[in-house]
Amino acid sequence: MTDVTYKVVEHDGGWAYKLGDVFSETFPSHDAARAAADRVAQEQRAPGETEAIQYQDEKGRWHDETAPGSDRPSTDVVG
């Protein structure tokens, strides 16, 4: 299972949550950014439908796979 951790950080004159190097929109307070991160983390854990997917890898090759809707990450929010 994959682990996903959202981090609440100061950003652009306010607060944001961050995953890797990607920031969310800016929120006026830490509490607002934390609430948004908690909401996103909860949605990330929600199961979905099993679907066929296609994607292109870094070498330009296309792949067909089945993505099980129950294959959801473990999530956490820090900060």
PDB file of N, CA and C in Angstrom:
ATOM      1  N   MET A   1       0.843  -1.180   0.000  1.00  0.00           N
ATOM      2  CA  MET A   1       0.000   0.000   0.000  1.00  0.00           C
ATOM      3  C   MET A   1       0.889   1.245   0.000  1.00  0.00           C
ATOM      4  N   THR A   2       0.481   2.230  -0.723  1.00  0.00           N
ATOM      5  CA  THR A   2       1.208   3.491  -0.816  1.00  0.00           C
ATOM      6  C   THR A   2       0.849   4.399   0.359  1.00  0.00           C
ATOM      7  N   ASP A   3       1.824   5.118   0.874  1.00  0.00           N
ATOM      8  CA  ASP A   3       1.592   6.112   1.924  1.00  0.00           C
ATOM      9  C   ASP A   3       1.694   7.497   1.308  1.00  0.00           C
ATOM     10  N   VAL A   4       0.692   8.342   1.569  1.00  0.00           N
ATOM     11  CA  VAL A   4       0.652   9.710   1.065  1.00  0.00           C
ATOM     12  C   VAL A   4       0.575  10.645   2.267  1.00  0.00           C
ATOM     13  N   THR A   5       1.507  11.602   2.351  1.00  0.00           N
ATOM     14  CA  THR A   5       1.500  12.557   3.464  1.00  0.00           C
ATOM     15  C   THR A   5       1.395  13.980   2.922  1.00  0.00           C
ATOM     16  N   TYR A   6       0.336  14.668   3.312  1.00  0.00           N
ATOM     17  CA  TYR A   6       0.147  16.078   2.988  1.00  0.00           C
ATOM     18  C   TYR A   6       0.764  16.894   4.110  1.00  0.00           C
ATOM     19  N   LYS A   7       1.477  17.962   3.766  1.00  0.00           N
ATOM     20  CA  LYS A   7       2.121  18.819   4.761  1.00  0.00           C
ATOM     21  C   LYS A   7       1.513  20.212   4.689  1.00  0.00           C
ATOM     22  N   VAL A   8       1.139  20.762   5.835  1.00  0.00           N
ATOM     23  CA  VAL A   8       0.615  22.126   5.909  1.00  0.00           C
ATOM     24  C   VAL A   8       1.807  23.048   6.150  1.00  0.00           C
ATOM     25  N   VAL A   9       1.970  24.043   5.255  1.00  0.00           N
ATOM     26  CA  VAL A   9       3.142  24.919   5.295  1.00  0.00           C
ATOM     27  C   VAL A   9       2.736  26.366   4.999  1.00  0.00           C
ATOM     28  N   GLU A  10       3.584  27.305   5.438  1.00  0.00           N
ATOM     29  CA  GLU A  10       3.388  28.704   5.048  1.00  0.00           C
ATOM     30  C   GLU A  10       3.720  28.829   3.570  1.00  0.00           C
ATOM     31  N   HIS A  11       2.873  29.582   2.856  1.00  0.00           N
ATOM     32  CA  HIS A  11       3.078  29.702   1.410  1.00  0.00           C
ATOM     33  C   HIS A  11       2.406  30.951   0.873  1.00  0.00           C
ATOM     34  N   ASP A  12       3.145  31.724   0.121  1.00  0.00           N
ATOM     35  CA  ASP A  12       2.605  32.856  -0.635  1.00  0.00           C
ATOM     36  C   ASP A  12       1.763  33.810   0.222  1.00  0.00           C
ATOM     37  N   GLY A  13       2.275  34.138   1.400  1.00  0.00           N
ATOM     38  CA  GLY A  13       1.584  35.077   2.284  1.00  0.00           C
ATOM     39  C   GLY A  13       0.441  34.476   3.073  1.00  0.00           C
ATOM     40  N   GLY A  14       0.307  33.173   3.062  1.00  0.00           N
ATOM     41  CA  GLY A  14      -0.753  32.491   3.806  1.00  0.00           C
ATOM     42  C   GLY A  14      -0.304  31.079   4.127  1.00  0.00           C
ATOM     43  N   TRP A  15      -1.239  30.149   4.009  1.00  0.00           N
ATOM     44  CA  TRP A  15      -0.972  28.745   4.318  1.00  0.00           C
ATOM     45  C   TRP A  15      -1.477  27.867   3.190  1.00  0.00           C
ATOM     46  N   ALA A  16      -0.808  26.743   2.987  1.00  0.00           N
ATOM     47  CA  ALA A  16      -1.213  25.793   1.954  1.00  0.00           C
ATOM     48  C   ALA A  16      -0.895  24.393   2.447  1.00  0.00           C
ATOM     49  N   TYR A  17      -1.452  23.408   1.779  1.00  0.00           N
ATOM     50  CA  TYR A  17      -0.975  22.051   2.006  1.00  0.00           C
ATOM     51  C   TYR A  17      -0.169  21.652   0.775  1.00  0.00           C
ATOM     52  N   LYS A  18       0.719  20.715   0.970  1.00  0.00           N
ATOM     53  CA  LYS A  18       1.694  20.384  -0.052  1.00  0.00           C
ATOM     54  C   LYS A  18       1.835  18.870  -0.132  1.00  0.00           C
ATOM     55  N   LEU A  19       1.972  18.366  -1.342  1.00  0.00           N
ATOM     56  CA  LEU A  19       2.279  16.954  -1.563  1.00  0.00           C
ATOM     57  C   LEU A  19       3.474  16.921  -2.497  1.00  0.00           C
ATOM     58  N   GLY A  20       4.598  16.429  -1.982  1.00  0.00           N
ATOM     59  CA  GLY A  20       5.829  16.490  -2.766  1.00  0.00           C
ATOM     60  C   GLY A  20       6.216  17.942  -2.978  1.00  0.00           C
ATOM     61  N   ASP A  21       6.379  18.353  -4.236  1.00  0.00           N
ATOM     62  CA  ASP A  21       6.731  19.737  -4.556  1.00  0.00           C
ATOM     63  C   ASP A  21       5.537  20.560  -5.013  1.00  0.00           C
ATOM     64  N   VAL A  22       4.332  20.018  -4.889  1.00  0.00           N
ATOM     65  CA  VAL A  22       3.128  20.683  -5.405  1.00  0.00           C
ATOM     66  C   VAL A  22       2.329  21.281  -4.255  1.00  0.00           C
ATOM     67  N   PHE A  23       2.017  22.585  -4.383  1.00  0.00           N
ATOM     68  CA  PHE A  23       1.245  23.304  -3.373  1.00  0.00           C
ATOM     69  C   PHE A  23      -0.221  23.399  -3.769  1.00  0.00           C
ATOM     70  N   SER A  24      -1.078  23.415  -2.769  1.00  0.00           N
ATOM     71  CA  SER A  24      -2.495  23.700  -2.992  1.00  0.00           C
ATOM     72  C   SER A  24      -2.661  25.201  -3.197  1.00  0.00           C
ATOM     73  N   GLU A  25      -3.890  25.626  -3.330  1.00  0.00           N
ATOM     74  CA  GLU A  25      -4.159  27.059  -3.304  1.00  0.00           C
ATOM     75  C   GLU A  25      -3.791  27.591  -1.917  1.00  0.00           C
ATOM     76  N   THR A  26      -3.660  28.900  -1.795  1.00  0.00           N
ATOM     77  CA  THR A  26      -3.295  29.526  -0.528  1.00  0.00           C
ATOM     78  C   THR A  26      -4.553  29.796   0.291  1.00  0.00           C
ATOM     79  N   PHE A  27      -4.469  29.489   1.577  1.00  0.00           N
ATOM     80  CA  PHE A  27      -5.568  29.719   2.514  1.00  0.00           C
ATOM     81  C   PHE A  27      -5.168  30.816   3.491  1.00  0.00           C
ATOM     82  N   PRO A  28      -6.133  31.551   4.044  1.00  0.00           N
ATOM     83  CA  PRO A  28      -5.792  32.671   4.928  1.00  0.00           C
ATOM     84  C   PRO A  28      -5.273  32.253   6.301  1.00  0.00           C
ATOM     85  N   SER A  29      -5.541  31.007   6.718  1.00  0.00           N
ATOM     86  CA  SER A  29      -5.097  30.583   8.043  1.00  0.00           C
ATOM     87  C   SER A  29      -4.596  29.142   8.006  1.00  0.00           C
ATOM     88  N   HIS A  30      -3.816  28.813   9.025  1.00  0.00           N
ATOM     89  CA  HIS A  30      -3.327  27.438   9.178  1.00  0.00           C
ATOM     90  C   HIS A  30      -4.509  26.486   9.328  1.00  0.00           C
ATOM     91  N   ASP A  31      -5.493  26.871  10.140  1.00  0.00           N
ATOM     92  CA  ASP A  31      -6.653  26.008  10.380  1.00  0.00           C
ATOM     93  C   ASP A  31      -7.412  25.708   9.087  1.00  0.00           C
ATOM     94  N   ALA A  32      -7.552  26.713   8.220  1.00  0.00           N
ATOM     95  CA  ALA A  32      -8.268  26.512   6.952  1.00  0.00           C
ATOM     96  C   ALA A  32      -7.485  25.570   6.034  1.00  0.00           C
ATOM     97  N   ALA A  33      -6.163  25.735   5.997  1.00  0.00           N
ATOM     98  CA  ALA A  33      -5.336  24.853   5.170  1.00  0.00           C
ATOM     99  C   ALA A  33      -5.361  23.434   5.725  1.00  0.00           C
ATOM    100  N   ARG A  34      -5.324  23.297   7.034  1.00  0.00           N
ATOM    101  CA  ARG A  34      -5.362  21.966   7.657  1.00  0.00           C
ATOM    102  C   ARG A  34      -6.697  21.284   7.383  1.00  0.00           C
ATOM    103  N   ALA A  35      -7.788  22.016   7.489  1.00  0.00           N
ATOM    104  CA  ALA A  35      -9.109  21.434   7.213  1.00  0.00           C
ATOM    105  C   ALA A  35      -9.199  20.966   5.762  1.00  0.00           C
ATOM    106  N   ALA A  36      -8.668  21.753   4.839  1.00  0.00           N
ATOM    107  CA  ALA A  36      -8.674  21.369   3.424  1.00  0.00           C
ATOM    108  C   ALA A  36      -7.810  20.130   3.202  1.00  0.00           C
ATOM    109  N   ALA A  37      -6.651  20.069   3.834  1.00  0.00           N
ATOM    110  CA  ALA A  37      -5.767  18.908   3.697  1.00  0.00           C
ATOM    111  C   ALA A  37      -6.412  17.653   4.279  1.00  0.00           C
ATOM    112  N   ASP A  38      -7.086  17.796   5.420  1.00  0.00           N
ATOM    113  CA  ASP A  38      -7.795  16.660   6.018  1.00  0.00           C
ATOM    114  C   ASP A  38      -8.881  16.143   5.079  1.00  0.00           C
ATOM    115  N   ARG A  39      -9.592  17.061   4.441  1.00  0.00           N
ATOM    116  CA  ARG A  39     -10.667  16.699   3.506  1.00  0.00           C
ATOM    117  C   ARG A  39     -10.096  15.951   2.292  1.00  0.00           C
ATOM    118  N   VAL A  40      -8.996  16.476   1.737  1.00  0.00           N
ATOM    119  CA  VAL A  40      -8.357  15.845   0.574  1.00  0.00           C
ATOM    120  C   VAL A  40      -7.826  14.459   0.944  1.00  0.00           C
ATOM    121  N   ALA A  41      -7.216  14.337   2.114  1.00  0.00           N
ATOM    122  CA  ALA A  41      -6.680  13.047   2.558  1.00  0.00           C
ATOM    123  C   ALA A  41      -7.801  12.020   2.703  1.00  0.00           C
ATOM    124  N   GLN A  42      -8.933  12.449   3.240  1.00  0.00           N
ATOM    125  CA  GLN A  42     -10.077  11.545   3.396  1.00  0.00           C
ATOM    126  C   GLN A  42     -10.610  11.108   2.032  1.00  0.00           C
ATOM    127  N   GLU A  43     -10.710  12.039   1.093  1.00  0.00           N
ATOM    128  CA  GLU A  43     -11.189  11.705  -0.249  1.00  0.00           C
ATOM    129  C   GLU A  43     -10.225  10.754  -0.953  1.00  0.00           C
ATOM    130  N   GLN A  44      -8.931  10.902  -0.710  1.00  0.00           N
ATOM    131  CA  GLN A  44      -7.918  10.051  -1.332  1.00  0.00           C
ATOM    132  C   GLN A  44      -8.094   8.593  -0.908  1.00  0.00           C
ATOM    133  N   ARG A  45      -8.570   8.371   0.325  1.00  0.00           N
ATOM    134  CA  ARG A  45      -8.757   7.017   0.842  1.00  0.00           C
ATOM    135  C   ARG A  45     -10.052   6.364   0.370  1.00  0.00           C
ATOM    136  N   ALA A  46     -10.973   7.143  -0.163  1.00  0.00           N
ATOM    137  CA  ALA A  46     -12.292   6.619  -0.547  1.00  0.00           C
ATOM    138  C   ALA A  46     -12.172   5.668  -1.740  1.00  0.00           C
ATOM    139  N   PRO A  47     -12.780   4.469  -1.637  1.00  0.00           N
ATOM    140  CA  PRO A  47     -12.717   3.536  -2.761  1.00  0.00           C
ATOM    141  C   PRO A  47     -13.518   4.053  -3.947  1.00  0.00           C
ATOM    142  N   GLY A  48     -13.148   3.594  -5.109  1.00  0.00           N
ATOM    143  CA  GLY A  48     -13.846   3.981  -6.332  1.00  0.00           C
ATOM    144  C   GLY A  48     -14.209   2.755  -7.137  1.00  0.00           C
ATOM    145  N   GLU A  49     -14.444   2.945  -8.412  1.00  0.00           N
ATOM    146  CA  GLU A  49     -14.780   1.858  -9.322  1.00  0.00           C
ATOM    147  C   GLU A  49     -13.500   1.254  -9.897  1.00  0.00           C
ATOM    148  N   THR A  50     -13.517  -0.039 -10.169  1.00  0.00           N
ATOM    149  CA  THR A  50     -12.427  -0.666 -10.894  1.00  0.00           C
ATOM    150  C   THR A  50     -12.579  -0.287 -12.358  1.00  0.00           C
ATOM    151  N   GLU A  51     -11.508   0.229 -12.954  1.00  0.00           N
ATOM    152  CA  GLU A  51     -11.574   0.735 -14.325  1.00  0.00           C
ATOM    153  C   GLU A  51     -10.331   0.361 -15.110  1.00  0.00           C
ATOM    154  N   ALA A  52     -10.511   0.254 -16.411  1.00  0.00           N
ATOM    155  CA  ALA A  52      -9.376   0.086 -17.312  1.00  0.00           C
ATOM    156  C   ALA A  52      -8.758   1.459 -17.531  1.00  0.00           C
ATOM    157  N   ILE A  53      -7.425   1.540 -17.457  1.00  0.00           N
ATOM    158  CA  ILE A  53      -6.733   2.809 -17.671  1.00  0.00           C
ATOM    159  C   ILE A  53      -5.641   2.628 -18.714  1.00  0.00           C
ATOM    160  N   GLN A  54      -5.281   3.734 -19.341  1.00  0.00           N
ATOM    161  CA  GLN A  54      -4.147   3.784 -20.255  1.00  0.00           C
ATOM    162  C   GLN A  54      -3.252   4.920 -19.796  1.00  0.00           C
ATOM    163  N   TYR A  55      -1.941   4.692 -19.902  1.00  0.00           N
ATOM    164  CA  TYR A  55      -1.015   5.776 -19.585  1.00  0.00           C
ATOM    165  C   TYR A  55       0.237   5.633 -20.431  1.00  0.00           C
ATOM    166  N   GLN A  56       0.926   6.755 -20.575  1.00  0.00           N
ATOM    167  CA  GLN A  56       2.156   6.796 -21.355  1.00  0.00           C
ATOM    168  C   GLN A  56       3.331   6.931 -20.394  1.00  0.00           C
ATOM    169  N   ASP A  57       4.338   6.095 -20.551  1.00  0.00           N
ATOM    170  CA  ASP A  57       5.495   6.161 -19.657  1.00  0.00           C
ATOM    171  C   ASP A  57       6.499   7.198 -20.154  1.00  0.00           C
ATOM    172  N   GLU A  58       7.598   7.347 -19.399  1.00  0.00           N
ATOM    173  CA  GLU A  58       8.591   8.373 -19.718  1.00  0.00           C
ATOM    174  C   GLU A  58       9.305   8.126 -21.045  1.00  0.00           C
ATOM    175  N   LYS A  59       9.215   6.923 -21.575  1.00  0.00           N
ATOM    176  CA  LYS A  59       9.835   6.609 -22.874  1.00  0.00           C
ATOM    177  C   LYS A  59       8.832   6.687 -24.026  1.00  0.00           C
ATOM    178  N   GLY A  60       7.624   7.157 -23.728  1.00  0.00           N
ATOM    179  CA  GLY A  60       6.626   7.344 -24.776  1.00  0.00           C
ATOM    180  C   GLY A  60       5.818   6.105 -25.103  1.00  0.00           C
ATOM    181  N   ARG A  61       5.987   5.022 -24.358  1.00  0.00           N
ATOM    182  CA  ARG A  61       5.226   3.788 -24.602  1.00  0.00           C
ATOM    183  C   ARG A  61       3.898   3.840 -23.854  1.00  0.00           C
ATOM    184  N   TRP A  62       2.861   3.329 -24.498  1.00  0.00           N
ATOM    185  CA  TRP A  62       1.532   3.289 -23.895  1.00  0.00           C
ATOM    186  C   TRP A  62       1.311   1.949 -23.213  1.00  0.00           C
ATOM    187  N   HIS A  63       0.611   1.984 -22.098  1.00  0.00           N
ATOM    188  CA  HIS A  63       0.309   0.783 -21.319  1.00  0.00           C
ATOM    189  C   HIS A  63      -1.181   0.738 -21.013  1.00  0.00           C
ATOM    190  N   ASP A  64      -1.739  -0.461 -21.019  1.00  0.00           N
ATOM    191  CA  ASP A  64      -3.129  -0.704 -20.616  1.00  0.00           C
ATOM    192  C   ASP A  64      -3.096  -1.510 -19.319  1.00  0.00           C
ATOM    193  N   GLU A  65      -3.846  -1.055 -18.323  1.00  0.00           N
ATOM    194  CA  GLU A  65      -3.912  -1.752 -17.045  1.00  0.00           C
ATOM    195  C   GLU A  65      -5.314  -1.660 -16.488  1.00  0.00           C
ATOM    196  N   THR A  66      -5.578  -2.481 -15.502  1.00  0.00           N
ATOM    197  CA  THR A  66      -6.820  -2.386 -14.747  1.00  0.00           C
ATOM    198  C   THR A  66      -6.478  -1.793 -13.387  1.00  0.00           C
ATOM    199  N   ALA A  67      -7.143  -0.707 -13.039  1.00  0.00           N
ATOM    200  CA  ALA A  67      -6.923  -0.051 -11.750  1.00  0.00           C
ATOM    201  C   ALA A  67      -8.060  -0.437 -10.808  1.00  0.00           C
ATOM    202  N   PRO A  68      -7.762  -1.260  -9.803  1.00  0.00           N
ATOM    203  CA  PRO A  68      -8.812  -1.657  -8.871  1.00  0.00           C
ATOM    204  C   PRO A  68      -9.253  -0.476  -8.003  1.00  0.00           C
ATOM    205  N   GLY A  69     -10.525  -0.269  -7.889  1.00  0.00           N
ATOM    206  CA  GLY A  69     -11.058   0.840  -7.097  1.00  0.00           C
ATOM    207  C   GLY A  69     -10.783   0.713  -5.614  1.00  0.00           C
ATOM    208  N   SER A  70     -10.429  -0.485  -5.179  1.00  0.00           N
ATOM    209  CA  SER A  70     -10.154  -0.695  -3.756  1.00  0.00           C
ATOM    210  C   SER A  70      -8.687  -0.452  -3.412  1.00  0.00           C
ATOM    211  N   ASP A  71      -7.860  -0.197  -4.382  1.00  0.00           N
ATOM    212  CA  ASP A  71      -6.420  -0.005  -4.184  1.00  0.00           C
ATOM    213  C   ASP A  71      -6.150   1.457  -3.819  1.00  0.00           C
ATOM    214  N   ARG A  72      -6.412   1.829  -2.580  1.00  0.00           N
ATOM    215  CA  ARG A  72      -6.306   3.215  -2.132  1.00  0.00           C
ATOM    216  C   ARG A  72      -5.111   3.370  -1.196  1.00  0.00           C
ATOM    217  N   PRO A  73      -4.492   4.536  -1.186  1.00  0.00           N
ATOM    218  CA  PRO A  73      -3.339   4.748  -0.310  1.00  0.00           C
ATOM    219  C   PRO A  73      -3.731   4.999   1.145  1.00  0.00           C
ATOM    220  N   SER A  74      -2.755   4.857   2.001  1.00  0.00           N
ATOM    221  CA  SER A  74      -2.861   5.306   3.372  1.00  0.00           C
ATOM    222  C   SER A  74      -2.495   6.783   3.354  1.00  0.00           C
ATOM    223  N   THR A  75      -3.257   7.638   4.028  1.00  0.00           N
ATOM    224  CA  THR A  75      -2.973   9.079   4.003  1.00  0.00           C
ATOM    225  C   THR A  75      -2.784   9.640   5.404  1.00  0.00           C
ATOM    226  N   ASP A  76      -2.046  10.752   5.446  1.00  0.00           N
ATOM    227  CA  ASP A  76      -1.777  11.438   6.705  1.00  0.00           C
ATOM    228  C   ASP A  76      -1.607  12.929   6.411  1.00  0.00           C
ATOM    229  N   VAL A  77      -1.853  13.747   7.413  1.00  0.00           N
ATOM    230  CA  VAL A  77      -1.632  15.195   7.308  1.00  0.00           C
ATOM    231  C   VAL A  77      -0.746  15.595   8.474  1.00  0.00           C
ATOM    232  N   VAL A  78       0.326  16.351   8.179  1.00  0.00           N
ATOM    233  CA  VAL A  78       1.204  16.844   9.240  1.00  0.00           C
ATOM    234  C   VAL A  78       1.297  18.369   9.127  1.00  0.00           C
ATOM    235  N   GLY A  79       1.543  18.991  10.263  1.00  0.00           N
ATOM    236  CA  GLY A  79       1.711  20.435  10.280  1.00  0.00           C
ATOM    237  C   GLY A  79       0.499  21.183  10.724  1.00  0.00           C
TER     238      GLY A  79
END
